[in-house]
Amino acid sequence: MHRSDPAVTASTPASAPASAPVAALVLAAGGGRRLGGRPKALIPYRGRPLVEHAVATVRSGGCTDVTVVLGADRERVRATAHLPGCRLVANPDWAGGMGSSLRAGLAALPPEAPAALVMLVDTPGVTPAAVARLLAAHRAGADLAAAAYGGRRGHPVLIGARHFAEAAAGATGDSGARALLTAHAEEIALVECADVAVPDDLDTPADLARWSAG
């Protein structure tokens, strides 16, 4: 039985060790207005909900601590999606845009997390290989990193812990981490991923048909 809309569910994992790994932050709160009003988290993709696919991607890429931000129809998402071991965070302000989800997710991360790998639920073309490359960039010293496609910045992105407060402060409307990344453009390690991933969003029925057929 699920609690009625807690900020963070009881499935929160135990505290991370001192040498904590990069935390994955899956933003899955969208309402899917152009996809018939179904929450994006539950859009079926290759036999399972998108949110399950996103979580599997970040875990296969090397993230062991996973936080998922839910919004639209979140109680149904909790009841339907299989997300064992994930930290589930409710964003009651999800309709205001992605920024509120980023703020909610960053606030829920373990205090020991050295960085957050931010994954959007509606980018099914992002692969574990792309996630692994960003984690490798962080291990090599990058405090801000982003997957790049033909040299152009895309998703996912990695944000070092010292930037969390600034990222949250600039996360308004649908901007997500854009203000942070713009302010620190010269510091971002662009990690080319075009050979292993596709950055396109899944926003419309046509997108869904194309991805499902792919």
N, C-alpha and C. Protein backbone atom coordinates (compact mmCIF):
# COMPACT_ATOMS: atom_id res chain seq x y z
N MET A 1 0.85 -1.20 0.00
CA MET A 1 0.00 0.00 0.00
C MET A 1 0.88 1.24 0.00
N HIS A 2 0.60 2.19 -0.89
CA HIS A 2 1.43 3.37 -1.03
C HIS A 2 0.94 4.49 -0.11
N ARG A 3 1.87 5.20 0.48
CA ARG A 3 1.50 6.37 1.26
C ARG A 3 0.93 7.44 0.33
N SER A 4 0.14 8.31 0.90
CA SER A 4 -0.46 9.35 0.08
C SER A 4 0.50 10.52 -0.09
N ASP A 5 1.20 10.50 -1.21
CA ASP A 5 2.01 11.62 -1.66
C ASP A 5 3.08 12.10 -0.70
N PRO A 6 3.98 11.20 -0.25
CA PRO A 6 5.09 11.67 0.57
C PRO A 6 6.10 12.38 -0.32
N ALA A 7 6.94 13.19 0.28
CA ALA A 7 7.98 13.85 -0.53
C ALA A 7 8.97 12.84 -1.05
N VAL A 8 9.34 11.88 -0.20
CA VAL A 8 10.22 10.80 -0.62
C VAL A 8 9.65 9.52 -0.05
N THR A 9 9.54 8.47 -0.85
CA THR A 9 8.89 7.26 -0.38
C THR A 9 9.80 6.46 0.54
N ALA A 10 9.19 5.47 1.17
CA ALA A 10 9.93 4.64 2.11
C ALA A 10 10.90 3.72 1.42
N SER A 11 10.94 3.71 0.08
CA SER A 11 11.88 2.84 -0.61
C SER A 11 13.27 3.46 -0.71
N THR A 12 13.50 4.59 -0.03
CA THR A 12 14.80 5.23 -0.05
C THR A 12 15.89 4.26 0.39
N PRO A 13 16.97 4.11 -0.42
CA PRO A 13 18.04 3.20 -0.04
C PRO A 13 18.78 3.69 1.19
N ALA A 14 19.59 2.81 1.76
CA ALA A 14 20.40 3.19 2.90
C ALA A 14 21.37 4.29 2.51
N SER A 15 21.86 5.02 3.49
CA SER A 15 22.77 6.13 3.22
C SER A 15 23.98 5.65 2.44
N ALA A 16 24.44 6.52 1.52
CA ALA A 16 25.58 6.17 0.70
C ALA A 16 26.86 6.19 1.54
N PRO A 17 27.85 5.38 1.16
CA PRO A 17 29.11 5.37 1.89
C PRO A 17 29.88 6.65 1.64
N ALA A 18 30.98 6.81 2.39
CA ALA A 18 31.76 8.03 2.28
C ALA A 18 32.24 8.26 0.85
N SER A 19 32.66 7.18 0.18
CA SER A 19 33.09 7.29 -1.21
C SER A 19 31.89 7.06 -2.11
N ALA A 20 30.90 7.92 -2.00
CA ALA A 20 29.63 7.73 -2.69
C ALA A 20 29.79 7.82 -4.20
N PRO A 21 29.03 7.04 -4.93
CA PRO A 21 29.07 7.11 -6.39
C PRO A 21 28.24 8.29 -6.89
N VAL A 22 28.42 8.61 -8.15
CA VAL A 22 27.56 9.60 -8.78
C VAL A 22 26.12 9.12 -8.69
N ALA A 23 25.22 10.02 -8.29
CA ALA A 23 23.80 9.67 -8.17
C ALA A 23 23.09 9.95 -9.48
N ALA A 24 22.24 9.04 -9.90
CA ALA A 24 21.41 9.27 -11.09
C ALA A 24 20.13 9.96 -10.66
N LEU A 25 19.70 10.94 -11.45
CA LEU A 25 18.47 11.67 -11.18
C LEU A 25 17.61 11.60 -12.43
N VAL A 26 16.56 10.78 -12.38
CA VAL A 26 15.67 10.59 -13.52
C VAL A 26 14.46 11.51 -13.37
N LEU A 27 14.31 12.44 -14.30
CA LEU A 27 13.17 13.36 -14.26
C LEU A 27 12.03 12.76 -15.06
N ALA A 28 10.97 12.34 -14.34
CA ALA A 28 9.88 11.58 -14.95
C ALA A 28 8.52 12.10 -14.53
N ALA A 29 8.39 13.43 -14.40
CA ALA A 29 7.16 14.01 -13.85
C ALA A 29 6.17 14.49 -14.91
N GLY A 30 6.58 14.53 -16.17
CA GLY A 30 5.76 15.15 -17.20
C GLY A 30 4.42 14.49 -17.44
N GLY A 31 3.46 15.30 -17.89
CA GLY A 31 2.10 14.82 -18.09
C GLY A 31 1.82 14.24 -19.44
N GLY A 32 2.72 14.36 -20.41
CA GLY A 32 2.49 13.77 -21.73
C GLY A 32 1.28 14.34 -22.44
N ARG A 33 1.10 15.66 -22.36
CA ARG A 33 -0.08 16.30 -22.95
C ARG A 33 -0.25 15.94 -24.43
N ARG A 34 0.84 15.94 -25.19
CA ARG A 34 0.76 15.63 -26.62
C ARG A 34 0.74 14.14 -26.90
N LEU A 35 0.78 13.34 -25.84
CA LEU A 35 0.72 11.89 -26.00
C LEU A 35 -0.56 11.34 -25.38
N GLY A 36 -1.62 12.12 -25.49
CA GLY A 36 -2.92 11.67 -25.01
C GLY A 36 -3.14 11.89 -23.54
N GLY A 37 -2.29 12.69 -22.89
CA GLY A 37 -2.49 12.99 -21.48
C GLY A 37 -2.04 11.92 -20.53
N ARG A 38 -1.39 10.87 -21.02
CA ARG A 38 -0.83 9.86 -20.13
C ARG A 38 0.46 10.38 -19.54
N PRO A 39 0.75 10.08 -18.27
CA PRO A 39 2.04 10.51 -17.72
C PRO A 39 3.16 9.89 -18.55
N LYS A 40 4.18 10.69 -18.84
CA LYS A 40 5.27 10.19 -19.67
C LYS A 40 5.94 8.96 -19.05
N ALA A 41 5.98 8.92 -17.73
CA ALA A 41 6.62 7.80 -17.06
C ALA A 41 6.03 6.46 -17.46
N LEU A 42 4.73 6.44 -17.80
CA LEU A 42 4.05 5.18 -18.09
C LEU A 42 3.84 4.93 -19.58
N ILE A 43 4.36 5.79 -20.45
CA ILE A 43 4.25 5.53 -21.88
C ILE A 43 4.98 4.22 -22.18
N PRO A 44 4.30 3.27 -22.85
CA PRO A 44 4.96 1.98 -23.11
C PRO A 44 6.05 2.11 -24.17
N TYR A 45 7.19 1.53 -23.89
CA TYR A 45 8.30 1.53 -24.83
C TYR A 45 9.00 0.18 -24.76
N ARG A 46 8.92 -0.56 -25.86
CA ARG A 46 9.54 -1.88 -25.95
C ARG A 46 9.14 -2.78 -24.80
N GLY A 47 7.84 -2.76 -24.49
CA GLY A 47 7.28 -3.70 -23.53
C GLY A 47 7.30 -3.28 -22.08
N ARG A 48 7.77 -2.07 -21.79
CA ARG A 48 7.76 -1.62 -20.40
C ARG A 48 7.62 -0.10 -20.36
N PRO A 49 7.21 0.44 -19.22
CA PRO A 49 7.05 1.90 -19.12
C PRO A 49 8.38 2.63 -19.33
N LEU A 50 8.29 3.82 -19.89
CA LEU A 50 9.49 4.61 -20.14
C LEU A 50 10.34 4.79 -18.89
N VAL A 51 9.69 4.97 -17.73
CA VAL A 51 10.47 5.21 -16.52
C VAL A 51 11.31 3.98 -16.16
N GLU A 52 10.80 2.80 -16.39
CA GLU A 52 11.58 1.59 -16.13
C GLU A 52 12.77 1.53 -17.09
N HIS A 53 12.53 1.89 -18.34
CA HIS A 53 13.61 1.90 -19.33
C HIS A 53 14.70 2.89 -18.93
N ALA A 54 14.31 4.09 -18.48
CA ALA A 54 15.29 5.10 -18.09
C ALA A 54 16.11 4.64 -16.89
N VAL A 55 15.45 4.05 -15.91
CA VAL A 55 16.16 3.56 -14.73
C VAL A 55 17.13 2.44 -15.12
N ALA A 56 16.69 1.53 -15.97
CA ALA A 56 17.57 0.45 -16.41
C ALA A 56 18.78 0.99 -17.15
N THR A 57 18.58 2.07 -17.91
CA THR A 57 19.69 2.67 -18.67
C THR A 57 20.75 3.24 -17.75
N VAL A 58 20.33 4.02 -16.75
CA VAL A 58 21.33 4.63 -15.87
C VAL A 58 22.01 3.57 -15.00
N ARG A 59 21.28 2.56 -14.61
CA ARG A 59 21.90 1.50 -13.81
C ARG A 59 22.89 0.70 -14.65
N SER A 60 22.51 0.36 -15.87
CA SER A 60 23.43 -0.40 -16.73
C SER A 60 24.66 0.43 -17.09
N GLY A 61 24.50 1.76 -17.08
CA GLY A 61 25.63 2.63 -17.37
C GLY A 61 26.57 2.83 -16.19
N GLY A 62 26.17 2.38 -15.00
CA GLY A 62 27.07 2.44 -13.85
C GLY A 62 26.56 3.18 -12.64
N CYS A 63 25.33 3.68 -12.66
CA CYS A 63 24.78 4.40 -11.50
C CYS A 63 24.07 3.42 -10.57
N THR A 64 24.50 3.37 -9.34
CA THR A 64 23.87 2.45 -8.38
C THR A 64 22.87 3.15 -7.47
N ASP A 65 22.96 4.47 -7.35
CA ASP A 65 22.01 5.24 -6.55
C ASP A 65 21.11 6.01 -7.51
N VAL A 66 19.82 5.70 -7.49
CA VAL A 66 18.90 6.27 -8.48
C VAL A 66 17.72 6.96 -7.78
N THR A 67 17.53 8.22 -8.11
CA THR A 67 16.37 8.99 -7.64
C THR A 67 15.47 9.28 -8.84
N VAL A 68 14.17 9.05 -8.67
CA VAL A 68 13.20 9.29 -9.73
C VAL A 68 12.20 10.33 -9.25
N VAL A 69 12.05 11.41 -10.01
CA VAL A 69 11.08 12.45 -9.66
C VAL A 69 9.80 12.19 -10.42
N LEU A 70 8.70 12.04 -9.70
CA LEU A 70 7.39 11.76 -10.28
C LEU A 70 6.47 12.96 -10.09
N GLY A 71 5.53 13.14 -11.01
CA GLY A 71 4.60 14.25 -10.91
C GLY A 71 3.22 13.86 -11.37
N ALA A 72 2.98 13.89 -12.67
CA ALA A 72 1.66 13.59 -13.21
C ALA A 72 1.23 12.17 -12.83
N ASP A 73 0.04 12.07 -12.25
CA ASP A 73 -0.55 10.77 -11.90
C ASP A 73 0.45 9.89 -11.13
N ARG A 74 1.15 10.51 -10.18
CA ARG A 74 2.26 9.82 -9.55
C ARG A 74 1.87 8.60 -8.75
N GLU A 75 0.67 8.59 -8.18
CA GLU A 75 0.27 7.39 -7.44
C GLU A 75 0.10 6.20 -8.38
N ARG A 76 -0.43 6.45 -9.57
CA ARG A 76 -0.56 5.35 -10.55
C ARG A 76 0.81 4.90 -11.03
N VAL A 77 1.72 5.84 -11.20
CA VAL A 77 3.07 5.45 -11.61
C VAL A 77 3.71 4.57 -10.53
N ARG A 78 3.57 4.97 -9.27
CA ARG A 78 4.13 4.16 -8.19
C ARG A 78 3.52 2.76 -8.18
N ALA A 79 2.22 2.69 -8.44
CA ALA A 79 1.54 1.40 -8.37
C ALA A 79 1.82 0.52 -9.58
N THR A 80 2.18 1.13 -10.70
CA THR A 80 2.31 0.40 -11.96
C THR A 80 3.75 0.06 -12.32
N ALA A 81 4.65 1.04 -12.18
CA ALA A 81 6.04 0.83 -12.60
C ALA A 81 6.81 0.04 -11.55
N HIS A 82 7.70 -0.80 -12.02
CA HIS A 82 8.53 -1.62 -11.13
C HIS A 82 9.87 -0.90 -10.98
N LEU A 83 10.06 -0.27 -9.81
CA LEU A 83 11.24 0.57 -9.58
C LEU A 83 11.91 0.21 -8.25
N PRO A 84 12.28 -1.04 -8.07
CA PRO A 84 12.87 -1.45 -6.79
C PRO A 84 14.18 -0.72 -6.52
N GLY A 85 14.35 -0.30 -5.27
CA GLY A 85 15.59 0.33 -4.86
C GLY A 85 15.74 1.78 -5.25
N CYS A 86 14.77 2.32 -5.98
CA CYS A 86 14.85 3.72 -6.37
C CYS A 86 14.31 4.62 -5.26
N ARG A 87 14.85 5.80 -5.17
CA ARG A 87 14.34 6.83 -4.26
C ARG A 87 13.28 7.59 -5.06
N LEU A 88 12.01 7.52 -4.67
CA LEU A 88 10.92 8.13 -5.41
C LEU A 88 10.53 9.46 -4.75
N VAL A 89 10.60 10.51 -5.53
CA VAL A 89 10.36 11.86 -5.02
C VAL A 89 9.13 12.44 -5.72
N ALA A 90 8.19 12.95 -4.94
CA ALA A 90 6.99 13.57 -5.50
C ALA A 90 7.22 15.04 -5.76
N ASN A 91 6.84 15.49 -6.96
CA ASN A 91 6.89 16.91 -7.29
C ASN A 91 5.47 17.40 -7.54
N PRO A 92 4.82 17.97 -6.54
CA PRO A 92 3.45 18.44 -6.73
C PRO A 92 3.35 19.62 -7.69
N ASP A 93 4.48 20.27 -7.98
CA ASP A 93 4.49 21.43 -8.87
C ASP A 93 4.93 21.06 -10.29
N TRP A 94 4.81 19.80 -10.65
CA TRP A 94 5.34 19.31 -11.93
C TRP A 94 4.79 20.07 -13.14
N ALA A 95 3.52 20.54 -13.06
CA ALA A 95 2.92 21.21 -14.21
C ALA A 95 3.61 22.54 -14.53
N GLY A 96 4.38 23.07 -13.58
CA GLY A 96 5.09 24.32 -13.81
C GLY A 96 6.34 24.16 -14.65
N GLY A 97 6.72 22.93 -14.97
CA GLY A 97 7.88 22.72 -15.83
C GLY A 97 8.97 21.90 -15.19
N MET A 98 9.95 21.55 -16.01
CA MET A 98 11.03 20.67 -15.60
C MET A 98 11.87 21.25 -14.46
N GLY A 99 11.94 22.57 -14.37
CA GLY A 99 12.76 23.19 -13.34
C GLY A 99 12.39 22.75 -11.95
N SER A 100 11.09 22.65 -11.68
CA SER A 100 10.65 22.25 -10.34
C SER A 100 11.05 20.81 -10.04
N SER A 101 11.07 19.97 -11.07
CA SER A 101 11.49 18.57 -10.87
C SER A 101 12.98 18.48 -10.59
N LEU A 102 13.76 19.29 -11.28
CA LEU A 102 15.20 19.30 -11.01
C LEU A 102 15.46 19.75 -9.58
N ARG A 103 14.76 20.79 -9.14
CA ARG A 103 14.96 21.26 -7.76
C ARG A 103 14.58 20.19 -6.75
N ALA A 104 13.44 19.54 -6.98
CA ALA A 104 12.99 18.50 -6.05
C ALA A 104 13.98 17.34 -6.01
N GLY A 105 14.47 16.95 -7.16
CA GLY A 105 15.40 15.83 -7.22
C GLY A 105 16.73 16.14 -6.57
N LEU A 106 17.29 17.31 -6.85
CA LEU A 106 18.57 17.67 -6.24
C LEU A 106 18.45 17.73 -4.72
N ALA A 107 17.33 18.23 -4.22
CA ALA A 107 17.14 18.33 -2.77
C ALA A 107 17.07 16.96 -2.10
N ALA A 108 16.69 15.93 -2.85
CA ALA A 108 16.51 14.60 -2.28
C ALA A 108 17.75 13.72 -2.38
N LEU A 109 18.79 14.17 -3.06
CA LEU A 109 19.98 13.34 -3.24
C LEU A 109 20.73 13.15 -1.93
N PRO A 110 21.45 12.05 -1.80
CA PRO A 110 22.26 11.85 -0.60
C PRO A 110 23.27 12.99 -0.46
N PRO A 111 23.49 13.49 0.74
CA PRO A 111 24.42 14.61 0.92
C PRO A 111 25.84 14.27 0.50
N GLU A 112 26.16 12.97 0.45
CA GLU A 112 27.53 12.57 0.08
C GLU A 112 27.73 12.47 -1.43
N ALA A 113 26.65 12.59 -2.20
CA ALA A 113 26.77 12.42 -3.65
C ALA A 113 27.73 13.44 -4.24
N PRO A 114 28.76 12.99 -4.98
CA PRO A 114 29.72 13.94 -5.54
C PRO A 114 29.21 14.64 -6.79
N ALA A 115 28.19 14.07 -7.40
CA ALA A 115 27.65 14.62 -8.64
C ALA A 115 26.32 13.93 -8.93
N ALA A 116 25.54 14.54 -9.84
CA ALA A 116 24.28 13.95 -10.27
C ALA A 116 24.29 13.80 -11.78
N LEU A 117 23.91 12.62 -12.25
CA LEU A 117 23.73 12.35 -13.67
C LEU A 117 22.24 12.55 -13.95
N VAL A 118 21.89 13.62 -14.66
CA VAL A 118 20.48 13.96 -14.87
C VAL A 118 20.00 13.35 -16.18
N MET A 119 19.00 12.48 -16.06
CA MET A 119 18.45 11.73 -17.19
C MET A 119 16.98 12.11 -17.38
N LEU A 120 16.60 12.43 -18.60
CA LEU A 120 15.20 12.73 -18.89
C LEU A 120 14.47 11.44 -19.28
N VAL A 121 13.27 11.25 -18.76
CA VAL A 121 12.55 10.00 -19.00
C VAL A 121 12.16 9.82 -20.46
N ASP A 122 12.05 10.94 -21.21
CA ASP A 122 11.56 10.84 -22.58
C ASP A 122 12.66 10.86 -23.62
N THR A 123 13.85 10.36 -23.25
CA THR A 123 14.95 10.24 -24.21
C THR A 123 15.39 8.78 -24.29
N PRO A 124 14.54 7.92 -24.89
CA PRO A 124 14.85 6.48 -24.90
C PRO A 124 16.07 6.11 -25.73
N GLY A 125 16.54 7.04 -26.57
CA GLY A 125 17.73 6.76 -27.36
C GLY A 125 19.03 6.91 -26.62
N VAL A 126 18.97 7.45 -25.39
CA VAL A 126 20.17 7.52 -24.56
C VAL A 126 20.48 6.11 -24.06
N THR A 127 21.71 5.71 -24.18
CA THR A 127 22.10 4.33 -23.88
C THR A 127 23.00 4.24 -22.65
N PRO A 128 23.15 3.03 -22.11
CA PRO A 128 24.10 2.86 -21.01
C PRO A 128 25.52 3.30 -21.38
N ALA A 129 25.89 3.14 -22.64
CA ALA A 129 27.24 3.55 -23.06
C ALA A 129 27.42 5.05 -22.90
N ALA A 130 26.38 5.84 -23.22
CA ALA A 130 26.47 7.29 -23.06
C ALA A 130 26.60 7.65 -21.57
N VAL A 131 25.81 6.99 -20.74
CA VAL A 131 25.90 7.22 -19.29
C VAL A 131 27.31 6.89 -18.79
N ALA A 132 27.83 5.75 -19.23
CA ALA A 132 29.16 5.32 -18.79
C ALA A 132 30.23 6.33 -19.20
N ARG A 133 30.09 6.94 -20.37
CA ARG A 133 31.08 7.92 -20.82
C ARG A 133 31.06 9.18 -19.93
N LEU A 134 29.87 9.60 -19.51
CA LEU A 134 29.79 10.76 -18.62
C LEU A 134 30.40 10.45 -17.26
N LEU A 135 30.14 9.25 -16.76
CA LEU A 135 30.73 8.86 -15.48
C LEU A 135 32.25 8.81 -15.59
N ALA A 136 32.76 8.34 -16.72
CA ALA A 136 34.20 8.29 -16.92
C ALA A 136 34.78 9.71 -16.97
N ALA A 137 34.05 10.63 -17.59
CA ALA A 137 34.51 12.01 -17.63
C ALA A 137 34.59 12.60 -16.23
N HIS A 138 33.62 12.25 -15.37
CA HIS A 138 33.65 12.73 -13.99
C HIS A 138 34.85 12.14 -13.24
N ARG A 139 35.09 10.86 -13.43
CA ARG A 139 36.25 10.24 -12.77
C ARG A 139 37.55 10.88 -13.23
N ALA A 140 37.56 11.38 -14.46
CA ALA A 140 38.76 12.02 -15.00
C ALA A 140 38.89 13.47 -14.55
N GLY A 141 37.89 13.97 -13.79
CA GLY A 141 38.01 15.30 -13.23
C GLY A 141 36.96 16.30 -13.65
N ALA A 142 36.05 15.94 -14.56
CA ALA A 142 35.02 16.88 -15.00
C ALA A 142 33.98 17.09 -13.90
N ASP A 143 33.70 18.35 -13.60
CA ASP A 143 32.69 18.68 -12.60
C ASP A 143 31.36 19.05 -13.26
N LEU A 144 31.41 19.39 -14.54
CA LEU A 144 30.23 19.59 -15.37
C LEU A 144 30.50 18.88 -16.68
N ALA A 145 29.56 18.05 -17.10
CA ALA A 145 29.74 17.31 -18.35
C ALA A 145 28.38 17.12 -19.01
N ALA A 146 28.42 16.98 -20.32
CA ALA A 146 27.18 16.75 -21.06
C ALA A 146 27.47 15.86 -22.25
N ALA A 147 26.53 14.98 -22.55
CA ALA A 147 26.64 14.21 -23.78
C ALA A 147 26.55 15.18 -24.96
N ALA A 148 27.35 14.93 -25.97
CA ALA A 148 27.33 15.76 -27.18
C ALA A 148 27.02 14.89 -28.39
N TYR A 149 26.36 15.49 -29.35
CA TYR A 149 25.98 14.78 -30.56
C TYR A 149 26.41 15.62 -31.74
N GLY A 150 27.47 15.19 -32.40
CA GLY A 150 28.05 15.99 -33.46
C GLY A 150 28.58 17.31 -32.94
N GLY A 151 29.07 17.31 -31.69
CA GLY A 151 29.62 18.51 -31.08
C GLY A 151 28.61 19.41 -30.41
N ARG A 152 27.33 19.08 -30.51
CA ARG A 152 26.28 19.91 -29.89
C ARG A 152 25.85 19.29 -28.57
N ARG A 153 25.75 20.15 -27.54
CA ARG A 153 25.38 19.67 -26.21
C ARG A 153 23.97 19.09 -26.19
N GLY A 154 23.82 17.94 -25.50
CA GLY A 154 22.52 17.31 -25.37
C GLY A 154 22.37 16.66 -24.00
N HIS A 155 21.63 15.58 -23.96
CA HIS A 155 21.37 14.87 -22.70
C HIS A 155 21.93 13.46 -22.79
N PRO A 156 22.26 12.91 -21.61
CA PRO A 156 22.14 13.46 -20.25
C PRO A 156 23.26 14.44 -19.93
N VAL A 157 23.13 15.06 -18.74
CA VAL A 157 24.16 15.97 -18.26
C VAL A 157 24.59 15.51 -16.87
N LEU A 158 25.80 15.90 -16.50
CA LEU A 158 26.34 15.57 -15.18
C LEU A 158 26.69 16.87 -14.48
N ILE A 159 26.21 17.00 -13.24
CA ILE A 159 26.41 18.22 -12.46
C ILE A 159 27.13 17.88 -11.17
N GLY A 160 28.27 18.48 -10.95
CA GLY A 160 29.02 18.26 -9.72
C GLY A 160 28.30 18.87 -8.52
N ALA A 161 28.53 18.31 -7.35
CA ALA A 161 27.81 18.72 -6.15
C ALA A 161 27.99 20.20 -5.82
N ARG A 162 29.15 20.77 -6.12
CA ARG A 162 29.35 22.18 -5.78
C ARG A 162 28.47 23.10 -6.61
N HIS A 163 27.85 22.56 -7.67
CA HIS A 163 26.96 23.35 -8.52
C HIS A 163 25.48 23.11 -8.20
N PHE A 164 25.17 22.23 -7.25
CA PHE A 164 23.76 21.89 -6.99
C PHE A 164 22.93 23.12 -6.63
N ALA A 165 23.44 23.94 -5.72
CA ALA A 165 22.66 25.10 -5.27
C ALA A 165 22.41 26.06 -6.43
N GLU A 166 23.41 26.28 -7.25
CA GLU A 166 23.25 27.18 -8.38
C GLU A 166 22.29 26.59 -9.41
N ALA A 167 22.39 25.28 -9.63
CA ALA A 167 21.48 24.62 -10.57
C ALA A 167 20.04 24.75 -10.11
N ALA A 168 19.80 24.55 -8.81
CA ALA A 168 18.45 24.65 -8.27
C ALA A 168 17.93 26.08 -8.36
N ALA A 169 18.78 27.04 -8.07
CA ALA A 169 18.36 28.44 -8.10
C ALA A 169 17.96 28.89 -9.50
N GLY A 170 18.62 28.34 -10.50
CA GLY A 170 18.33 28.75 -11.88
C GLY A 170 17.30 27.90 -12.58
N ALA A 171 16.78 26.87 -11.89
CA ALA A 171 15.84 25.93 -12.52
C ALA A 171 14.41 26.47 -12.42
N THR A 172 14.00 27.23 -13.42
CA THR A 172 12.65 27.78 -13.44
C THR A 172 11.94 27.34 -14.72
N GLY A 173 10.63 27.23 -14.65
CA GLY A 173 9.86 26.83 -15.83
C GLY A 173 10.39 25.54 -16.41
N ASP A 174 10.55 25.51 -17.72
CA ASP A 174 11.06 24.32 -18.39
C ASP A 174 12.56 24.38 -18.65
N SER A 175 13.25 25.30 -17.99
CA SER A 175 14.66 25.50 -18.30
C SER A 175 15.57 24.39 -17.78
N GLY A 176 15.14 23.67 -16.75
CA GLY A 176 16.00 22.65 -16.19
C GLY A 176 17.32 23.25 -15.75
N ALA A 177 18.42 22.64 -16.19
CA ALA A 177 19.76 23.12 -15.80
C ALA A 177 20.34 24.09 -16.82
N ARG A 178 19.51 24.61 -17.71
CA ARG A 178 20.03 25.45 -18.80
C ARG A 178 20.78 26.67 -18.29
N ALA A 179 20.25 27.35 -17.25
CA ALA A 179 20.91 28.55 -16.75
C ALA A 179 22.30 28.22 -16.23
N LEU A 180 22.42 27.14 -15.49
CA LEU A 180 23.73 26.72 -14.98
C LEU A 180 24.69 26.43 -16.11
N LEU A 181 24.23 25.64 -17.09
CA LEU A 181 25.11 25.23 -18.17
C LEU A 181 25.51 26.42 -19.05
N THR A 182 24.62 27.37 -19.21
CA THR A 182 24.96 28.57 -19.97
C THR A 182 26.00 29.41 -19.24
N ALA A 183 25.81 29.56 -17.94
CA ALA A 183 26.73 30.37 -17.15
C ALA A 183 28.13 29.77 -17.09
N HIS A 184 28.22 28.46 -17.22
CA HIS A 184 29.50 27.76 -17.10
C HIS A 184 29.87 27.03 -18.39
N ALA A 185 29.47 27.60 -19.52
CA ALA A 185 29.64 26.92 -20.81
C ALA A 185 31.09 26.53 -21.07
N GLU A 186 32.03 27.38 -20.65
CA GLU A 186 33.45 27.11 -20.92
C GLU A 186 34.00 25.98 -20.05
N GLU A 187 33.28 25.63 -18.98
CA GLU A 187 33.76 24.60 -18.07
C GLU A 187 33.20 23.21 -18.39
N ILE A 188 32.23 23.15 -19.28
CA ILE A 188 31.55 21.87 -19.52
C ILE A 188 32.41 20.96 -20.39
N ALA A 189 32.60 19.74 -19.93
CA ALA A 189 33.25 18.72 -20.75
C ALA A 189 32.19 18.11 -21.67
N LEU A 190 32.32 18.35 -22.97
CA LEU A 190 31.40 17.75 -23.93
C LEU A 190 31.90 16.36 -24.29
N VAL A 191 31.06 15.36 -24.04
CA VAL A 191 31.44 13.97 -24.23
C VAL A 191 30.69 13.44 -25.45
N GLU A 192 31.40 13.24 -26.52
CA GLU A 192 30.75 12.84 -27.77
C GLU A 192 30.10 11.45 -27.62
N CYS A 193 28.81 11.39 -27.97
CA CYS A 193 28.05 10.15 -27.81
C CYS A 193 27.25 9.77 -29.06
N ALA A 194 27.45 10.50 -30.16
CA ALA A 194 26.64 10.26 -31.35
C ALA A 194 26.80 8.85 -31.90
N ASP A 195 27.92 8.22 -31.59
CA ASP A 195 28.15 6.86 -32.09
C ASP A 195 27.46 5.79 -31.25
N VAL A 196 26.96 6.17 -30.07
CA VAL A 196 26.36 5.17 -29.19
C VAL A 196 24.95 5.53 -28.72
N ALA A 197 24.46 6.74 -29.04
CA ALA A 197 23.16 7.16 -28.52
C ALA A 197 22.50 8.15 -29.47
N VAL A 198 21.19 8.37 -29.22
CA VAL A 198 20.39 9.33 -29.99
C VAL A 198 19.70 10.24 -28.97
N PRO A 199 19.78 11.56 -29.15
CA PRO A 199 19.28 12.47 -28.11
C PRO A 199 17.81 12.86 -28.22
N ASP A 200 17.11 12.43 -29.27
CA ASP A 200 15.77 12.94 -29.54
C ASP A 200 14.78 12.65 -28.42
N ASP A 201 13.92 13.66 -28.14
CA ASP A 201 12.84 13.50 -27.17
C ASP A 201 11.70 12.69 -27.78
N LEU A 202 10.92 12.09 -26.89
CA LEU A 202 9.68 11.41 -27.30
C LEU A 202 8.53 12.28 -26.81
N ASP A 203 7.98 13.09 -27.71
CA ASP A 203 6.98 14.09 -27.31
C ASP A 203 5.62 13.92 -27.96
N THR A 204 5.56 13.29 -29.12
CA THR A 204 4.32 13.23 -29.89
C THR A 204 3.99 11.79 -30.27
N PRO A 205 2.75 11.52 -30.70
CA PRO A 205 2.42 10.18 -31.18
C PRO A 205 3.33 9.72 -32.32
N ALA A 206 3.73 10.66 -33.19
CA ALA A 206 4.64 10.30 -34.29
C ALA A 206 5.99 9.86 -33.75
N ASP A 207 6.47 10.57 -32.71
CA ASP A 207 7.73 10.16 -32.08
C ASP A 207 7.61 8.76 -31.50
N LEU A 208 6.49 8.51 -30.83
CA LEU A 208 6.29 7.21 -30.19
C LEU A 208 6.27 6.10 -31.23
N ALA A 209 5.57 6.33 -32.35
CA ALA A 209 5.50 5.33 -33.42
C ALA A 209 6.88 5.06 -33.99
N ARG A 210 7.66 6.14 -34.17
CA ARG A 210 9.01 5.98 -34.74
C ARG A 210 9.92 5.21 -33.79
N TRP A 211 9.87 5.57 -32.49
CA TRP A 211 10.72 4.87 -31.54
C TRP A 211 10.29 3.42 -31.37
N SER A 212 9.00 3.18 -31.36
CA SER A 212 8.50 1.81 -31.17
C SER A 212 8.87 0.92 -32.34
N ALA A 213 8.95 1.52 -33.52
CA ALA A 213 9.29 0.74 -34.72
C ALA A 213 10.79 0.53 -34.87
N GLY A 214 11.56 1.34 -34.15
CA GLY A 214 13.02 1.31 -34.30
C GLY A 214 13.66 0.12 -33.60
